[in-house]
């Protein structure tokens, strides 16, 4: 039997509400931005490894894949003019 992970709608709504409340109040959310960044990076790096068909070694300090230009190219997207990432 294959298991599926399903997010409880109440949990998702509470997470969104906490974020919006913190935008207004300037307080720290339950889950801070740095933790969210690291959690997201892990899943994105899995996608990069699959798409580059290679084993990757992550340099956390530089936030780059060590010695793999093809994998590093998958970390960013090209933006249409006039948009750019500052």
PDB file of N, CA and C in Angstrom:
ATOM      1  N   UNK A   1       0.840  -1.180   0.000  1.00  0.00           N
ATOM      2  CA  UNK A   1       0.000   0.000   0.000  1.00  0.00           C
ATOM      3  C   UNK A   1       0.887   1.245   0.000  1.00  0.00           C
ATOM      4  N   UNK A   2       0.635   2.125  -0.939  1.00  0.00           N
ATOM      5  CA  UNK A   2       1.407   3.359  -1.049  1.00  0.00           C
ATOM      6  C   UNK A   2       0.774   4.434  -0.169  1.00  0.00           C
ATOM      7  N   UNK A   3       1.621   5.099   0.626  1.00  0.00           N
ATOM      8  CA  UNK A   3       1.133   6.172   1.497  1.00  0.00           C
ATOM      9  C   UNK A   3       1.247   7.507   0.784  1.00  0.00           C
ATOM     10  N   UNK A   4       0.299   8.364   1.070  1.00  0.00           N
ATOM     11  CA  UNK A   4       0.333   9.724   0.539  1.00  0.00           C
ATOM     12  C   UNK A   4       0.300  10.689   1.711  1.00  0.00           C
ATOM     13  N   UNK A   5       1.099  11.738   1.592  1.00  0.00           N
ATOM     14  CA  UNK A   5       1.096  12.774   2.612  1.00  0.00           C
ATOM     15  C   UNK A   5       0.134  13.863   2.164  1.00  0.00           C
ATOM     16  N   UNK A   6      -0.848  14.126   2.982  1.00  0.00           N
ATOM     17  CA  UNK A   6      -1.839  15.154   2.669  1.00  0.00           C
ATOM     18  C   UNK A   6      -1.823  16.181   3.797  1.00  0.00           C
ATOM     19  N   UNK A   7      -1.683  17.439   3.430  1.00  0.00           N
ATOM     20  CA  UNK A   7      -1.665  18.510   4.424  1.00  0.00           C
ATOM     21  C   UNK A   7      -3.091  18.799   4.873  1.00  0.00           C
ATOM     22  N   UNK A   8      -3.281  18.793   6.170  1.00  0.00           N
ATOM     23  CA  UNK A   8      -4.583  19.122   6.744  1.00  0.00           C
ATOM     24  C   UNK A   8      -4.897  20.583   6.409  1.00  0.00           C
ATOM     25  N   UNK A   9      -6.069  20.827   5.907  1.00  0.00           N
ATOM     26  CA  UNK A   9      -6.467  22.181   5.506  1.00  0.00           C
ATOM     27  C   UNK A   9      -6.394  23.159   6.681  1.00  0.00           C
ATOM     28  N   UNK A  10      -6.709  22.702   7.888  1.00  0.00           N
ATOM     29  CA  UNK A  10      -6.638  23.582   9.064  1.00  0.00           C
ATOM     30  C   UNK A  10      -5.198  23.995   9.347  1.00  0.00           C
ATOM     31  N   UNK A  11      -4.261  23.062   9.165  1.00  0.00           N
ATOM     32  CA  UNK A  11      -2.846  23.369   9.387  1.00  0.00           C
ATOM     33  C   UNK A  11      -2.363  24.375   8.345  1.00  0.00           C
ATOM     34  N   UNK A  12      -2.706  24.147   7.079  1.00  0.00           N
ATOM     35  CA  UNK A  12      -2.300  25.058   6.009  1.00  0.00           C
ATOM     36  C   UNK A  12      -2.862  26.456   6.241  1.00  0.00           C
ATOM     37  N   UNK A  13      -4.127  26.527   6.621  1.00  0.00           N
ATOM     38  CA  UNK A  13      -4.766  27.824   6.861  1.00  0.00           C
ATOM     39  C   UNK A  13      -4.133  28.531   8.058  1.00  0.00           C
ATOM     40  N   UNK A  14      -3.802  27.773   9.113  1.00  0.00           N
ATOM     41  CA  UNK A  14      -3.173  28.373  10.294  1.00  0.00           C
ATOM     42  C   UNK A  14      -1.790  28.918   9.944  1.00  0.00           C
ATOM     43  N   UNK A  15      -1.055  28.200   9.111  1.00  0.00           N
ATOM     44  CA  UNK A  15       0.271  28.654   8.689  1.00  0.00           C
ATOM     45  C   UNK A  15       0.158  29.963   7.901  1.00  0.00           C
ATOM     46  N   UNK A  16      -0.779  30.016   6.975  1.00  0.00           N
ATOM     47  CA  UNK A  16      -0.994  31.228   6.177  1.00  0.00           C
ATOM     48  C   UNK A  16      -1.442  32.386   7.068  1.00  0.00           C
ATOM     49  N   UNK A  17      -2.339  32.126   8.010  1.00  0.00           N
ATOM     50  CA  UNK A  17      -2.834  33.168   8.918  1.00  0.00           C
ATOM     51  C   UNK A  17      -1.690  33.707   9.759  1.00  0.00           C
ATOM     52  N   UNK A  18      -0.824  32.818  10.278  1.00  0.00           N
ATOM     53  CA  UNK A  18       0.316  33.248  11.080  1.00  0.00           C
ATOM     54  C   UNK A  18       1.230  34.158  10.264  1.00  0.00           C
ATOM     55  N   UNK A  19       1.487  33.793   9.018  1.00  0.00           N
ATOM     56  CA  UNK A  19       2.338  34.611   8.159  1.00  0.00           C
ATOM     57  C   UNK A  19       1.734  35.997   7.955  1.00  0.00           C
ATOM     58  N   UNK A  20       0.458  36.057   7.608  1.00  0.00           N
ATOM     59  CA  UNK A  20      -0.192  37.351   7.369  1.00  0.00           C
ATOM     60  C   UNK A  20      -0.243  38.203   8.633  1.00  0.00           C
ATOM     61  N   UNK A  21      -0.513  37.581   9.769  1.00  0.00           N
ATOM     62  CA  UNK A  21      -0.511  38.318  11.037  1.00  0.00           C
ATOM     63  C   UNK A  21       0.862  38.917  11.316  1.00  0.00           C
ATOM     64  N   UNK A  22       1.916  38.165  11.007  1.00  0.00           N
ATOM     65  CA  UNK A  22       3.269  38.648  11.260  1.00  0.00           C
ATOM     66  C   UNK A  22       3.681  39.753  10.295  1.00  0.00           C
ATOM     67  N   UNK A  23       3.157  39.727   9.079  1.00  0.00           N
ATOM     68  CA  UNK A  23       3.415  40.827   8.141  1.00  0.00           C
ATOM     69  C   UNK A  23       2.866  42.119   8.732  1.00  0.00           C
ATOM     70  N   UNK A  24       1.676  42.047   9.308  1.00  0.00           N
ATOM     71  CA  UNK A  24       1.047  43.237   9.893  1.00  0.00           C
ATOM     72  C   UNK A  24       1.726  43.675  11.184  1.00  0.00           C
ATOM     73  N   UNK A  25       2.066  42.716  12.051  1.00  0.00           N
ATOM     74  CA  UNK A  25       2.582  43.048  13.382  1.00  0.00           C
ATOM     75  C   UNK A  25       4.098  43.197  13.438  1.00  0.00           C
ATOM     76  N   UNK A  26       4.793  42.741  12.387  1.00  0.00           N
ATOM     77  CA  UNK A  26       6.262  42.750  12.343  1.00  0.00           C
ATOM     78  C   UNK A  26       6.880  41.791  13.362  1.00  0.00           C
ATOM     79  N   UNK A  27       6.102  40.853  13.880  1.00  0.00           N
ATOM     80  CA  UNK A  27       6.610  39.832  14.789  1.00  0.00           C
ATOM     81  C   UNK A  27       7.196  38.677  13.980  1.00  0.00           C
ATOM     82  N   UNK A  28       7.991  37.844  14.646  1.00  0.00           N
ATOM     83  CA  UNK A  28       8.539  36.657  13.987  1.00  0.00           C
ATOM     84  C   UNK A  28       7.449  35.601  13.833  1.00  0.00           C
ATOM     85  N   UNK A  29       7.355  34.966  12.666  1.00  0.00           N
ATOM     86  CA  UNK A  29       6.371  33.895  12.492  1.00  0.00           C
ATOM     87  C   UNK A  29       6.793  32.635  13.245  1.00  0.00           C
ATOM     88  N   UNK A  30       5.868  31.695  13.367  1.00  0.00           N
ATOM     89  CA  UNK A  30       6.170  30.426  14.027  1.00  0.00           C
ATOM     90  C   UNK A  30       7.344  29.753  13.322  1.00  0.00           C
ATOM     91  N   UNK A  31       7.313  29.732  12.005  1.00  0.00           N
ATOM     92  CA  UNK A  31       8.399  29.146  11.209  1.00  0.00           C
ATOM     93  C   UNK A  31       9.121  30.292  10.528  1.00  0.00           C
ATOM     94  N   UNK A  32      10.369  30.547  10.941  1.00  0.00           N
ATOM     95  CA  UNK A  32      11.046  31.724  10.405  1.00  0.00           C
ATOM     96  C   UNK A  32      11.557  31.507   8.981  1.00  0.00           C
ATOM     97  N   UNK A  33      11.949  32.577   8.349  1.00  0.00           N
ATOM     98  CA  UNK A  33      12.345  32.573   6.944  1.00  0.00           C
ATOM     99  C   UNK A  33      13.563  31.696   6.682  1.00  0.00           C
ATOM    100  N   UNK A  34      14.527  31.720   7.568  1.00  0.00           N
ATOM    101  CA  UNK A  34      15.744  30.928   7.355  1.00  0.00           C
ATOM    102  C   UNK A  34      15.441  29.431   7.336  1.00  0.00           C
ATOM    103  N   UNK A  35      14.604  28.975   8.253  1.00  0.00           N
ATOM    104  CA  UNK A  35      14.215  27.561   8.274  1.00  0.00           C
ATOM    105  C   UNK A  35      13.479  27.212   6.983  1.00  0.00           C
ATOM    106  N   UNK A  36      12.571  28.073   6.568  1.00  0.00           N
ATOM    107  CA  UNK A  36      11.841  27.853   5.325  1.00  0.00           C
ATOM    108  C   UNK A  36      12.769  27.776   4.119  1.00  0.00           C
ATOM    109  N   UNK A  37      13.783  28.627   4.105  1.00  0.00           N
ATOM    110  CA  UNK A  37      14.761  28.619   3.010  1.00  0.00           C
ATOM    111  C   UNK A  37      15.485  27.278   2.950  1.00  0.00           C
ATOM    112  N   UNK A  38      15.946  26.788   4.100  1.00  0.00           N
ATOM    113  CA  UNK A  38      16.689  25.526   4.127  1.00  0.00           C
ATOM    114  C   UNK A  38      15.811  24.336   3.742  1.00  0.00           C
ATOM    115  N   UNK A  39      14.579  24.320   4.207  1.00  0.00           N
ATOM    116  CA  UNK A  39      13.659  23.229   3.862  1.00  0.00           C
ATOM    117  C   UNK A  39      13.377  23.228   2.361  1.00  0.00           C
ATOM    118  N   UNK A  40      13.132  24.402   1.805  1.00  0.00           N
ATOM    119  CA  UNK A  40      12.864  24.511   0.372  1.00  0.00           C
ATOM    120  C   UNK A  40      14.093  24.129  -0.445  1.00  0.00           C
ATOM    121  N   UNK A  41      15.276  24.539   0.011  1.00  0.00           N
ATOM    122  CA  UNK A  41      16.511  24.233  -0.715  1.00  0.00           C
ATOM    123  C   UNK A  41      16.716  22.730  -0.852  1.00  0.00           C
ATOM    124  N   UNK A  42      16.409  21.971   0.187  1.00  0.00           N
ATOM    125  CA  UNK A  42      16.595  20.517   0.132  1.00  0.00           C
ATOM    126  C   UNK A  42      15.763  19.905  -0.991  1.00  0.00           C
ATOM    127  N   UNK A  43      14.497  20.295  -1.078  1.00  0.00           N
ATOM    128  CA  UNK A  43      13.653  19.721  -2.134  1.00  0.00           C
ATOM    129  C   UNK A  43      14.082  20.212  -3.517  1.00  0.00           C
ATOM    130  N   UNK A  44      14.478  21.468  -3.618  1.00  0.00           N
ATOM    131  CA  UNK A  44      14.929  21.992  -4.911  1.00  0.00           C
ATOM    132  C   UNK A  44      16.224  21.315  -5.362  1.00  0.00           C
ATOM    133  N   UNK A  45      17.104  21.015  -4.412  1.00  0.00           N
ATOM    134  CA  UNK A  45      18.354  20.339  -4.768  1.00  0.00           C
ATOM    135  C   UNK A  45      18.095  18.918  -5.252  1.00  0.00           C
ATOM    136  N   UNK A  46      17.071  18.277  -4.711  1.00  0.00           N
ATOM    137  CA  UNK A  46      16.668  16.970  -5.238  1.00  0.00           C
ATOM    138  C   UNK A  46      16.250  17.084  -6.688  1.00  0.00           C
ATOM    139  N   UNK A  47      15.492  18.128  -7.014  1.00  0.00           N
ATOM    140  CA  UNK A  47      15.086  18.366  -8.404  1.00  0.00           C
ATOM    141  C   UNK A  47      16.290  18.652  -9.297  1.00  0.00           C
ATOM    142  N   UNK A  48      17.242  19.427  -8.794  1.00  0.00           N
ATOM    143  CA  UNK A  48      18.451  19.741  -9.567  1.00  0.00           C
ATOM    144  C   UNK A  48      19.238  18.461  -9.857  1.00  0.00           C
ATOM    145  N   UNK A  49      19.382  17.595  -8.854  1.00  0.00           N
ATOM    146  CA  UNK A  49      20.108  16.335  -9.053  1.00  0.00           C
ATOM    147  C   UNK A  49      19.410  15.466 -10.101  1.00  0.00           C
ATOM    148  N   UNK A  50      18.087  15.393 -10.029  1.00  0.00           N
ATOM    149  CA  UNK A  50      17.342  14.601 -11.013  1.00  0.00           C
ATOM    150  C   UNK A  50      17.478  15.175 -12.419  1.00  0.00           C
ATOM    151  N   UNK A  51      17.325  16.477 -12.541  1.00  0.00           N
ATOM    152  CA  UNK A  51      17.367  17.110 -13.869  1.00  0.00           C
ATOM    153  C   UNK A  51      18.768  17.098 -14.472  1.00  0.00           C
ATOM    154  N   UNK A  52      19.799  17.189 -13.627  1.00  0.00           N
ATOM    155  CA  UNK A  52      21.174  17.167 -14.144  1.00  0.00           C
ATOM    156  C   UNK A  52      21.699  15.739 -14.282  1.00  0.00           C
ATOM    157  N   UNK A  53      20.909  14.772 -13.795  1.00  0.00           N
ATOM    158  CA  UNK A  53      21.290  13.349 -13.857  1.00  0.00           C
ATOM    159  C   UNK A  53      22.675  13.125 -13.267  1.00  0.00           C
ATOM    160  N   UNK A  54      22.934  13.789 -12.143  1.00  0.00           N
ATOM    161  CA  UNK A  54      24.240  13.651 -11.508  1.00  0.00           C
ATOM    162  C   UNK A  54      24.103  13.749  -9.992  1.00  0.00           C
ATOM    163  N   UNK A  55      25.098  13.193  -9.348  1.00  0.00           N
ATOM    164  CA  UNK A  55      25.179  13.340  -7.899  1.00  0.00           C
ATOM    165  C   UNK A  55      25.726  14.742  -7.635  1.00  0.00           C
ATOM    166  N   UNK A  56      25.128  15.437  -6.688  1.00  0.00           N
ATOM    167  CA  UNK A  56      25.582  16.803  -6.421  1.00  0.00           C
ATOM    168  C   UNK A  56      26.101  16.912  -4.996  1.00  0.00           C
ATOM    169  N   UNK A  57      27.037  17.826  -4.818  1.00  0.00           N
ATOM    170  CA  UNK A  57      27.572  18.134  -3.493  1.00  0.00           C
ATOM    171  C   UNK A  57      27.315  19.616  -3.245  1.00  0.00           C
ATOM    172  N   UNK A  58      26.522  19.907  -2.227  1.00  0.00           N
ATOM    173  CA  UNK A  58      26.080  21.267  -1.954  1.00  0.00           C
ATOM    174  C   UNK A  58      27.080  21.993  -1.075  1.00  0.00           C
ATOM    175  N   UNK A  59      27.514  23.164  -1.503  1.00  0.00           N
ATOM    176  CA  UNK A  59      28.356  24.045  -0.699  1.00  0.00           C
ATOM    177  C   UNK A  59      27.417  25.050  -0.046  1.00  0.00           C
ATOM    178  N   UNK A  60      27.064  24.798   1.205  1.00  0.00           N
ATOM    179  CA  UNK A  60      26.068  25.623   1.895  1.00  0.00           C
ATOM    180  C   UNK A  60      26.541  27.063   2.077  1.00  0.00           C
ATOM    181  N   UNK A  61      27.828  27.252   2.308  1.00  0.00           N
ATOM    182  CA  UNK A  61      28.341  28.608   2.526  1.00  0.00           C
ATOM    183  C   UNK A  61      28.196  29.458   1.263  1.00  0.00           C
ATOM    184  N   UNK A  62      28.487  28.868   0.107  1.00  0.00           N
ATOM    185  CA  UNK A  62      28.404  29.601  -1.159  1.00  0.00           C
ATOM    186  C   UNK A  62      27.029  29.477  -1.806  1.00  0.00           C
ATOM    187  N   UNK A  63      26.203  28.563  -1.298  1.00  0.00           N
ATOM    188  CA  UNK A  63      24.901  28.236  -1.877  1.00  0.00           C
ATOM    189  C   UNK A  63      25.036  27.915  -3.367  1.00  0.00           C
ATOM    190  N   UNK A  64      25.961  27.023  -3.655  1.00  0.00           N
ATOM    191  CA  UNK A  64      26.237  26.560  -5.016  1.00  0.00           C
ATOM    192  C   UNK A  64      26.521  25.063  -4.967  1.00  0.00           C
ATOM    193  N   UNK A  65      26.355  24.406  -6.109  1.00  0.00           N
ATOM    194  CA  UNK A  65      26.739  23.003  -6.238  1.00  0.00           C
ATOM    195  C   UNK A  65      28.230  22.986  -6.546  1.00  0.00           C
ATOM    196  N   UNK A  66      28.994  22.253  -5.752  1.00  0.00           N
ATOM    197  CA  UNK A  66      30.450  22.227  -5.903  1.00  0.00           C
ATOM    198  C   UNK A  66      30.848  21.516  -7.192  1.00  0.00           C
ATOM    199  N   UNK A  67      31.591  22.224  -8.046  1.00  0.00           N
ATOM    200  CA  UNK A  67      32.180  21.633  -9.238  1.00  0.00           C
ATOM    201  C   UNK A  67      31.216  21.103 -10.283  1.00  0.00           C
ATOM    202  N   UNK A  68      30.027  21.678 -10.391  1.00  0.00           N
ATOM    203  CA  UNK A  68      29.058  21.179 -11.363  1.00  0.00           C
ATOM    204  C   UNK A  68      28.314  22.369 -11.973  1.00  0.00           C
ATOM    205  N   UNK A  69      28.870  22.918 -13.047  1.00  0.00           N
ATOM    206  CA  UNK A  69      28.274  24.095 -13.684  1.00  0.00           C
ATOM    207  C   UNK A  69      26.881  23.817 -14.241  1.00  0.00           C
ATOM    208  N   UNK A  70      26.677  22.598 -14.763  1.00  0.00           N
ATOM    209  CA  UNK A  70      25.359  22.250 -15.317  1.00  0.00           C
ATOM    210  C   UNK A  70      24.292  22.277 -14.227  1.00  0.00           C
ATOM    211  N   UNK A  71      24.618  21.753 -13.059  1.00  0.00           N
ATOM    212  CA  UNK A  71      23.665  21.766 -11.949  1.00  0.00           C
ATOM    213  C   UNK A  71      23.451  23.189 -11.443  1.00  0.00           C
ATOM    214  N   UNK A  72      24.515  23.981 -11.373  1.00  0.00           N
ATOM    215  CA  UNK A  72      24.380  25.370 -10.928  1.00  0.00           C
ATOM    216  C   UNK A  72      23.501  26.184 -11.863  1.00  0.00           C
ATOM    217  N   UNK A  73      23.533  25.864 -13.149  1.00  0.00           N
ATOM    218  CA  UNK A  73      22.697  26.581 -14.117  1.00  0.00           C
ATOM    219  C   UNK A  73      21.215  26.347 -13.839  1.00  0.00           C
ATOM    220  N   UNK A  74      20.887  25.237 -13.185  1.00  0.00           N
ATOM    221  CA  UNK A  74      19.491  24.929 -12.875  1.00  0.00           C
ATOM    222  C   UNK A  74      18.989  25.633 -11.611  1.00  0.00           C
ATOM    223  N   UNK A  75      19.875  26.293 -10.895  1.00  0.00           N
ATOM    224  CA  UNK A  75      19.485  26.976  -9.657  1.00  0.00           C
ATOM    225  C   UNK A  75      18.761  28.293  -9.918  1.00  0.00           C
ATOM    226  N   UNK A  76      18.916  28.851 -11.104  1.00  0.00           N
ATOM    227  CA  UNK A  76      18.357  30.163 -11.412  1.00  0.00           C
ATOM    228  C   UNK A  76      17.648  30.133 -12.756  1.00  0.00           C
ATOM    229  N   UNK A  77      16.759  31.057 -12.950  1.00  0.00           N
ATOM    230  CA  UNK A  77      16.065  31.205 -14.231  1.00  0.00           C
ATOM    231  C   UNK A  77      16.442  32.545 -14.848  1.00  0.00           C
ATOM    232  N   UNK A  78      16.359  32.599 -16.160  1.00  0.00           N
ATOM    233  CA  UNK A  78      16.560  33.871 -16.856  1.00  0.00           C
ATOM    234  C   UNK A  78      15.251  34.649 -16.799  1.00  0.00           C
ATOM    235  N   UNK A  79      15.350  35.935 -16.564  1.00  0.00           N
ATOM    236  CA  UNK A  79      14.169  36.783 -16.469  1.00  0.00           C
ATOM    237  C   UNK A  79      13.977  37.566 -17.760  1.00  0.00           C
ATOM    238  N   UNK A  80      12.720  37.794 -18.118  1.00  0.00           N
ATOM    239  CA  UNK A  80      12.417  38.620 -19.286  1.00  0.00           C
ATOM    240  C   UNK A  80      12.680  40.085 -18.952  1.00  0.00           C
ATOM    241  N   UNK A  81      13.171  40.823 -19.935  1.00  0.00           N
ATOM    242  CA  UNK A  81      13.402  42.254 -19.756  1.00  0.00           C
ATOM    243  C   UNK A  81      12.058  42.933 -19.511  1.00  0.00           C
ATOM    244  N   UNK A  82      11.982  43.907 -18.674  1.00  0.00           N
ATOM    245  CA  UNK A  82      13.041  44.586 -17.941  1.00  0.00           C
ATOM    246  C   UNK A  82      13.273  43.996 -16.546  1.00  0.00           C
ATOM    247  N   UNK A  83      12.717  42.829 -16.254  1.00  0.00           N
ATOM    248  CA  UNK A  83      12.814  42.253 -14.917  1.00  0.00           C
ATOM    249  C   UNK A  83      14.207  41.699 -14.655  1.00  0.00           C
ATOM    250  N   UNK A  84      14.675  41.866 -13.423  1.00  0.00           N
ATOM    251  CA  UNK A  84      15.966  41.304 -13.036  1.00  0.00           C
ATOM    252  C   UNK A  84      15.975  41.096 -11.527  1.00  0.00           C
ATOM    253  N   UNK A  85      16.829  40.211 -11.101  1.00  0.00           N
ATOM    254  CA  UNK A  85      16.984  39.940  -9.684  1.00  0.00           C
ATOM    255  C   UNK A  85      18.161  40.754  -9.184  1.00  0.00           C
ATOM    256  N   UNK A  86      17.898  41.659  -8.249  1.00  0.00           N
ATOM    257  CA  UNK A  86      18.952  42.559  -7.772  1.00  0.00           C
ATOM    258  C   UNK A  86      19.881  41.872  -6.807  1.00  0.00           C
TER     259      UNK A  86
END
